[in-house]
PDB file of N, CA and C in Angstrom:
ATOM      1  N   MET A   1    -174.942 -18.993-165.272  1.00  0.00           N
ATOM      2  CA  MET A   1    -175.666 -18.792-163.969  1.00  0.00           C
ATOM      3  C   MET A   1    -176.739 -19.826-163.443  1.00  0.00           C
ATOM      4  N   ALA A   2    -177.337 -20.213-164.535  1.00  0.00           N
ATOM      5  CA  ALA A   2    -178.588 -21.256-164.242  1.00  0.00           C
ATOM      6  C   ALA A   2    -177.942 -22.592-163.652  1.00  0.00           C
ATOM      7  N   TYR A   3    -176.729 -22.922-163.948  1.00  0.00           N
ATOM      8  CA  TYR A   3    -176.194 -24.164-163.091  1.00  0.00           C
ATOM      9  C   TYR A   3    -175.437 -23.681-161.923  1.00  0.00           C
ATOM     10  N   LEU A   4    -175.120 -22.410-161.523  1.00  0.00           N
ATOM     11  CA  LEU A   4    -174.614 -22.071-160.483  1.00  0.00           C
ATOM     12  C   LEU A   4    -175.416 -21.986-159.379  1.00  0.00           C
ATOM     13  N   LEU A   5    -176.593 -21.404-159.631  1.00  0.00           N
ATOM     14  CA  LEU A   5    -177.508 -21.143-158.418  1.00  0.00           C
ATOM     15  C   LEU A   5    -178.022 -22.354-157.756  1.00  0.00           C
ATOM     16  N   PRO A   6    -178.462 -23.352-158.342  1.00  0.00           N
ATOM     17  CA  PRO A   6    -178.759 -24.577-157.430  1.00  0.00           C
ATOM     18  C   PRO A   6    -177.626 -25.385-156.650  1.00  0.00           C
ATOM     19  N   ARG A   7    -176.397 -25.109-157.235  1.00  0.00           N
ATOM     20  CA  ARG A   7    -175.246 -25.795-156.540  1.00  0.00           C
ATOM     21  C   ARG A   7    -174.783 -24.793-155.373  1.00  0.00           C
ATOM     22  N   ALA A   8    -175.016 -23.651-155.509  1.00  0.00           N
ATOM     23  CA  ALA A   8    -174.759 -22.652-154.192  1.00  0.00           C
ATOM     24  C   ALA A   8    -175.712 -22.849-153.284  1.00  0.00           C
ATOM     25  N   ILE A   9    -177.079 -23.064-153.636  1.00  0.00           N
ATOM     26  CA  ILE A   9    -178.030 -23.324-152.517  1.00  0.00           C
ATOM     27  C   ILE A   9    -177.672 -24.792-152.023  1.00  0.00           C
ATOM     28  N   LEU A  10    -177.241 -25.727-152.671  1.00  0.00           N
ATOM     29  CA  LEU A  10    -176.807 -26.900-152.015  1.00  0.00           C
ATOM     30  C   LEU A  10    -175.652 -26.584-150.950  1.00  0.00           C
ATOM     31  N   VAL A  11    -174.749 -25.961-151.260  1.00  0.00           N
ATOM     32  CA  VAL A  11    -173.653 -25.587-150.389  1.00  0.00           C
ATOM     33  C   VAL A  11    -174.164 -24.934-149.087  1.00  0.00           C
ATOM     34  N   LEU A  12    -174.911 -23.863-149.356  1.00  0.00           N
ATOM     35  CA  LEU A  12    -175.676 -23.202-148.023  1.00  0.00           C
ATOM     36  C   LEU A  12    -176.327 -24.060-147.165  1.00  0.00           C
ATOM     37  N   ILE A  13    -177.206 -25.051-147.883  1.00  0.00           N
ATOM     38  CA  ILE A  13    -177.999 -26.137-147.108  1.00  0.00           C
ATOM     39  C   ILE A  13    -177.010 -26.824-146.378  1.00  0.00           C
ATOM     40  N   ALA A  14    -175.869 -27.335-146.877  1.00  0.00           N
ATOM     41  CA  ALA A  14    -174.867 -28.336-146.252  1.00  0.00           C
ATOM     42  C   ALA A  14    -174.136 -27.320-145.171  1.00  0.00           C
ATOM     43  N   TRP A  15    -173.899 -26.201-145.287  1.00  0.00           N
ATOM     44  CA  TRP A  15    -173.264 -25.343-144.201  1.00  0.00           C
ATOM     45  C   TRP A  15    -174.185 -25.128-143.201  1.00  0.00           C
ATOM     46  N   ALA A  16    -175.512 -25.039-143.457  1.00  0.00           N
ATOM     47  CA  ALA A  16    -176.487 -24.973-142.355  1.00  0.00           C
ATOM     48  C   ALA A  16    -176.786 -25.999-141.515  1.00  0.00           C
ATOM     49  N   LEU A  17    -176.670 -27.273-142.171  1.00  0.00           N
ATOM     50  CA  LEU A  17    -176.769 -28.552-141.663  1.00  0.00           C
ATOM     51  C   LEU A  17    -175.617 -28.807-140.631  1.00  0.00           C
ATOM     52  N   THR A  18    -174.633 -28.280-141.013  1.00  0.00           N
ATOM     53  CA  THR A  18    -173.391 -28.573-140.255  1.00  0.00           C
ATOM     54  C   THR A  18    -173.542 -27.547-139.181  1.00  0.00           C
ATOM     55  N   CYS A  19    -173.749 -26.409-139.145  1.00  0.00           N
ATOM     56  CA  CYS A  19    -173.937 -25.521-138.012  1.00  0.00           C
ATOM     57  C   CYS A  19    -175.068 -25.971-137.215  1.00  0.00           C
ATOM     58  N   GLY A  20    -176.228 -26.728-137.607  1.00  0.00           N
ATOM     59  CA  GLY A  20    -177.366 -27.090-136.801  1.00  0.00           C
ATOM     60  C   GLY A  20    -176.555 -28.372-136.017  1.00  0.00           C
ATOM     61  N   LEU A  21    -175.917 -29.089-136.613  1.00  0.00           N
ATOM     62  CA  LEU A  21    -175.359 -30.341-135.811  1.00  0.00           C
ATOM     63  C   LEU A  21    -174.266 -29.836-134.937  1.00  0.00           C
ATOM     64  N   ILE A  22    -173.517 -28.768-135.260  1.00  0.00           N
ATOM     65  CA  ILE A  22    -172.448 -28.207-134.117  1.00  0.00           C
ATOM     66  C   ILE A  22    -173.337 -27.821-132.945  1.00  0.00           C
ATOM     67  N   ARG A  23    -174.342 -26.947-133.318  1.00  0.00           N
ATOM     68  CA  ARG A  23    -175.189 -26.465-132.195  1.00  0.00           C
ATOM     69  C   ARG A  23    -175.941 -27.236-131.326  1.00  0.00           C
ATOM     70  N   LYS A  24    -176.349 -28.582-131.834  1.00  0.00           N
ATOM     71  CA  LYS A  24    -177.101 -29.600-131.230  1.00  0.00           C
ATOM     72  C   LYS A  24    -176.041 -30.553-130.419  1.00  0.00           C
ATOM     73  N   PHE A  25    -174.832 -30.931-130.790  1.00  0.00           N
ATOM     74  CA  PHE A  25    -173.783 -31.516-129.995  1.00  0.00           C
ATOM     75  C   PHE A  25    -173.012 -30.890-129.345  1.00  0.00           C
ATOM     76  N   TRP A  26    -172.839 -29.579-129.529  1.00  0.00           N
ATOM     77  CA  TRP A  26    -171.830 -28.617-128.891  1.00  0.00           C
ATOM     78  C   TRP A  26    -172.554 -27.444-128.547  1.00  0.00           C
ATOM     79  N   PRO A  27    -173.671 -27.250-127.713  1.00  0.00           N
ATOM     80  CA  PRO A  27    -174.365 -26.045-127.607  1.00  0.00           C
ATOM     81  C   PRO A  27    -173.484 -24.893-127.212  1.00  0.00           C
ATOM     82  N   ASP A  28    -172.363 -24.919-126.456  1.00  0.00           N
ATOM     83  CA  ASP A  28    -171.575 -23.896-126.078  1.00  0.00           C
ATOM     84  C   ASP A  28    -170.453 -23.604-127.051  1.00  0.00           C
ATOM     85  N   ALA A  29    -170.681 -23.938-128.229  1.00  0.00           N
ATOM     86  CA  ALA A  29    -169.487 -23.746-129.166  1.00  0.00           C
ATOM     87  C   ALA A  29    -169.133 -22.302-129.521  1.00  0.00           C
ATOM     88  N   ASP A  30    -167.809 -21.850-129.755  1.00  0.00           N
ATOM     89  CA  ASP A  30    -167.334 -20.584-130.126  1.00  0.00           C
ATOM     90  C   ASP A  30    -167.771 -20.067-131.375  1.00  0.00           C
ATOM     91  N   PRO A  31    -168.272 -19.003-131.511  1.00  0.00           N
ATOM     92  CA  PRO A  31    -168.742 -18.551-133.007  1.00  0.00           C
ATOM     93  C   PRO A  31    -167.394 -18.778-133.944  1.00  0.00           C
ATOM     94  N   VAL A  32    -166.198 -18.948-133.553  1.00  0.00           N
ATOM     95  CA  VAL A  32    -165.081 -19.250-134.577  1.00  0.00           C
ATOM     96  C   VAL A  32    -165.383 -20.504-135.281  1.00  0.00           C
ATOM     97  N   ILE A  33    -165.849 -21.346-134.419  1.00  0.00           N
ATOM     98  CA  ILE A  33    -166.139 -22.695-135.093  1.00  0.00           C
ATOM     99  C   ILE A  33    -167.146 -22.567-136.157  1.00  0.00           C
ATOM    100  N   PHE A  34    -168.088 -21.642-136.128  1.00  0.00           N
ATOM    101  CA  PHE A  34    -169.260 -21.555-137.273  1.00  0.00           C
ATOM    102  C   PHE A  34    -168.424 -20.936-138.391  1.00  0.00           C
ATOM    103  N   CYS A  35    -167.514 -20.071-138.191  1.00  0.00           N
ATOM    104  CA  CYS A  35    -166.797 -19.440-139.231  1.00  0.00           C
ATOM    105  C   CYS A  35    -166.019 -20.551-140.072  1.00  0.00           C
ATOM    106  N   VAL A  36    -165.358 -21.301-139.336  1.00  0.00           N
ATOM    107  CA  VAL A  36    -164.334 -22.283-139.800  1.00  0.00           C
ATOM    108  C   VAL A  36    -165.192 -23.233-140.681  1.00  0.00           C
ATOM    109  N   ALA A  37    -166.340 -23.742-140.019  1.00  0.00           N
ATOM    110  CA  ALA A  37    -167.338 -24.593-140.955  1.00  0.00           C
ATOM    111  C   ALA A  37    -167.777 -23.836-142.180  1.00  0.00           C
ATOM    112  N   GLY A  38    -167.894 -22.473-142.017  1.00  0.00           N
ATOM    113  CA  GLY A  38    -168.517 -21.798-143.261  1.00  0.00           C
ATOM    114  C   GLY A  38    -167.509 -21.427-144.257  1.00  0.00           C
ATOM    115  N   ALA A  39    -165.979 -21.397-143.766  1.00  0.00           N
ATOM    116  CA  ALA A  39    -165.031 -21.308-144.585  1.00  0.00           C
ATOM    117  C   ALA A  39    -164.690 -22.698-145.502  1.00  0.00           C
ATOM    118  N   SER A  40    -164.754 -23.609-144.653  1.00  0.00           N
ATOM    119  CA  SER A  40    -164.339 -24.906-145.287  1.00  0.00           C
ATOM    120  C   SER A  40    -165.624 -25.268-146.256  1.00  0.00           C
ATOM    121  N   TRP A  41    -166.859 -25.003-146.061  1.00  0.00           N
ATOM    122  CA  TRP A  41    -167.994 -25.194-147.066  1.00  0.00           C
ATOM    123  C   TRP A  41    -167.741 -24.424-148.194  1.00  0.00           C
ATOM    124  N   ALA A  42    -167.291 -23.000-148.081  1.00  0.00           N
ATOM    125  CA  ALA A  42    -166.829 -22.193-149.126  1.00  0.00           C
ATOM    126  C   ALA A  42    -165.870 -22.614-150.013  1.00  0.00           C
ATOM    127  N   GLY A  43    -164.756 -23.087-149.310  1.00  0.00           N
ATOM    128  CA  GLY A  43    -163.781 -23.751-150.015  1.00  0.00           C
ATOM    129  C   GLY A  43    -163.967 -24.985-150.862  1.00  0.00           C
ATOM    130  N   ALA A  44    -165.051 -25.776-150.448  1.00  0.00           N
ATOM    131  CA  ALA A  44    -165.526 -27.039-151.041  1.00  0.00           C
ATOM    132  C   ALA A  44    -166.327 -26.513-152.144  1.00  0.00           C
ATOM    133  N   GLY A  45    -167.151 -25.615-152.045  1.00  0.00           N
ATOM    134  CA  GLY A  45    -168.104 -24.954-153.081  1.00  0.00           C
ATOM    135  C   GLY A  45    -167.161 -24.555-154.313  1.00  0.00           C
ATOM    136  N   ILE A  46    -166.219 -23.743-153.872  1.00  0.00           N
ATOM    137  CA  ILE A  46    -165.381 -23.059-154.880  1.00  0.00           C
ATOM    138  C   ILE A  46    -164.675 -24.387-155.799  1.00  0.00           C
ATOM    139  N   ALA A  47    -164.160 -25.187-154.951  1.00  0.00           N
ATOM    140  CA  ALA A  47    -163.557 -26.480-155.663  1.00  0.00           C
ATOM    141  C   ALA A  47    -164.585 -27.238-156.421  1.00  0.00           C
ATOM    142  N   TYR A  48    -165.607 -27.356-156.021  1.00  0.00           N
ATOM    143  CA  TYR A  48    -166.562 -27.921-156.846  1.00  0.00           C
ATOM    144  C   TYR A  48    -167.120 -27.263-158.128  1.00  0.00           C
ATOM    145  N   PHE A  49    -167.390 -26.028-157.806  1.00  0.00           N
ATOM    146  CA  PHE A  49    -167.676 -25.108-159.110  1.00  0.00           C
ATOM    147  C   PHE A  49    -166.676 -25.107-160.113  1.00  0.00           C
ATOM    148  N   ALA A  50    -165.461 -25.004-159.683  1.00  0.00           N
ATOM    149  CA  ALA A  50    -164.103 -24.969-160.400  1.00  0.00           C
ATOM    150  C   ALA A  50    -164.072 -26.410-161.430  1.00  0.00           C
ATOM    151  N   TYR A  51    -164.379 -27.483-160.821  1.00  0.00           N
ATOM    152  CA  TYR A  51    -164.390 -28.747-161.453  1.00  0.00           C
ATOM    153  C   TYR A  51    -165.621 -28.768-162.252  1.00  0.00           C
ATOM    154  N   LEU A  52    -166.729 -28.490-162.048  1.00  0.00           N
ATOM    155  CA  LEU A  52    -167.856 -28.448-162.982  1.00  0.00           C
ATOM    156  C   LEU A  52    -167.655 -27.638-164.180  1.00  0.00           C
ATOM    157  N   ARG A  53    -166.982 -26.322-163.822  1.00  0.00           N
ATOM    158  CA  ARG A  53    -166.785 -25.542-165.048  1.00  0.00           C
ATOM    159  C   ARG A  53    -165.798 -26.179-166.023  1.00  0.00           C
ATOM    160  N   ARG A  54    -164.590 -26.539-165.487  1.00  0.00           N
ATOM    161  CA  ARG A  54    -163.747 -27.331-166.195  1.00  0.00           C
ATOM    162  C   ARG A  54    -164.161 -28.596-167.006  1.00  0.00           C
ATOM    163  N   LEU A  55    -165.009 -29.160-166.260  1.00  0.00           N
ATOM    164  CA  LEU A  55    -165.856 -30.469-167.060  1.00  0.00           C
ATOM    165  C   LEU A  55    -166.406 -30.121-167.961  1.00  0.00           C
ATOM    166  N   LYS A  56    -167.302 -28.909-167.740  1.00  0.00           N
ATOM    167  CA  LYS A  56    -168.314 -28.404-168.847  1.00  0.00           C
ATOM    168  C   LYS A  56    -167.516 -28.063-170.217  1.00  0.00           C
ATOM    169  N   ARG A  57    -166.380 -27.248-169.745  1.00  0.00           N
ATOM    170  CA  ARG A  57    -165.315 -26.826-170.862  1.00  0.00           C
ATOM    171  C   ARG A  57    -164.682 -27.735-171.606  1.00  0.00           C
ATOM    172  N   ASP A  58    -164.489 -28.942-171.028  1.00  0.00           N
ATOM    173  CA  ASP A  58    -163.894 -30.046-171.738  1.00  0.00           C
ATOM    174  C   ASP A  58    -164.950 -30.690-172.567  1.00  0.00           C
ATOM    175  N   ILE A  59    -166.137 -30.882-172.138  1.00  0.00           N
ATOM    176  CA  ILE A  59    -167.097 -31.506-172.980  1.00  0.00           C
ATOM    177  C   ILE A  59    -167.380 -30.585-174.087  1.00  0.00           C
ATOM    178  N   ASP A  60    -167.531 -29.314-173.982  1.00  0.00           N
ATOM    179  CA  ASP A  60    -167.717 -28.527-175.019  1.00  0.00           C
ATOM    180  C   ASP A  60    -166.605 -28.719-176.169  1.00  0.00           C
ATOM    181  N   ASP A  61    -165.362 -28.634-175.564  1.00  0.00           N
ATOM    182  CA  ASP A  61    -164.224 -28.871-176.641  1.00  0.00           C
ATOM    183  C   ASP A  61    -164.305 -30.334-177.386  1.00  0.00           C
ATOM    184  N   LEU A  62    -164.662 -31.227-176.782  1.00  0.00           N
ATOM    185  CA  LEU A  62    -164.840 -32.410-177.227  1.00  0.00           C
ATOM    186  C   LEU A  62    -165.833 -32.591-178.440  1.00  0.00           C
ATOM    187  N   SER A  63    -167.014 -32.010-178.013  1.00  0.00           N
ATOM    188  CA  SER A  63    -168.140 -31.940-179.062  1.00  0.00           C
ATOM    189  C   SER A  63    -167.620 -31.046-180.219  1.00  0.00           C
ATOM    190  N   ARG A  64    -167.025 -29.943-179.937  1.00  0.00           N
ATOM    191  CA  ARG A  64    -166.613 -29.142-181.099  1.00  0.00           C
ATOM    192  C   ARG A  64    -165.533 -29.780-181.823  1.00  0.00           C
ATOM    193  N   ARG A  65    -164.625 -30.470-181.363  1.00  0.00           N
ATOM    194  CA  ARG A  65    -163.772 -31.419-182.195  1.00  0.00           C
ATOM    195  C   ARG A  65    -164.433 -32.290-183.071  1.00  0.00           C
ATOM    196  N   ARG A  66    -165.432 -33.048-182.477  1.00  0.00           N
ATOM    197  CA  ARG A  66    -166.157 -33.903-183.042  1.00  0.00           C
ATOM    198  C   ARG A  66    -166.894 -33.587-184.258  1.00  0.00           C
ATOM    199  N   TYR A  67    -167.484 -32.231-184.002  1.00  0.00           N
ATOM    200  CA  TYR A  67    -168.329 -31.580-185.248  1.00  0.00           C
ATOM    201  C   TYR A  67    -167.237 -31.241-186.334  1.00  0.00           C
ATOM    202  N   ILE A  68    -166.138 -30.741-185.911  1.00  0.00           N
ATOM    203  CA  ILE A  68    -165.158 -30.236-186.758  1.00  0.00           C
ATOM    204  C   ILE A  68    -164.698 -31.506-187.569  1.00  0.00           C
ATOM    205  N   HIS A  69    -164.263 -32.464-186.983  1.00  0.00           N
ATOM    206  CA  HIS A  69    -163.793 -33.778-187.585  1.00  0.00           C
ATOM    207  C   HIS A  69    -164.927 -34.418-188.416  1.00  0.00           C
ATOM    208  N   SER A  70    -166.046 -34.483-188.060  1.00  0.00           N
ATOM    209  CA  SER A  70    -167.005 -35.078-189.085  1.00  0.00           C
ATOM    210  C   SER A  70    -167.421 -34.191-190.127  1.00  0.00           C
ATOM    211  N   ALA A  71    -167.279 -32.863-190.146  1.00  0.00           N
ATOM    212  CA  ALA A  71    -167.693 -31.735-191.028  1.00  0.00           C
ATOM    213  C   ALA A  71    -166.442 -31.799-192.188  1.00  0.00           C
ATOM    214  N   GLY A  72    -165.115 -32.159-191.819  1.00  0.00           N
ATOM    215  CA  GLY A  72    -163.933 -32.103-192.510  1.00  0.00           C
ATOM    216  C   GLY A  72    -163.757 -33.244-193.186  1.00  0.00           C
TER     217      GLY A  72
END
């Protein structure tokens, strides 16, 4: 959870910036546009979290194999 929360906040900040830019450059934008922007950032966040989880798992496996190999 400690590694998840800062990254979730970054995704929320990115979505807020995207919505701010949409509101600035397209003031009469339909609310569906904001939902699409939020969904795309949510998808990007899920992919990012999945990648980091897989990377952490691979690093843990590698260090575990190294430890077993050096101990044996």
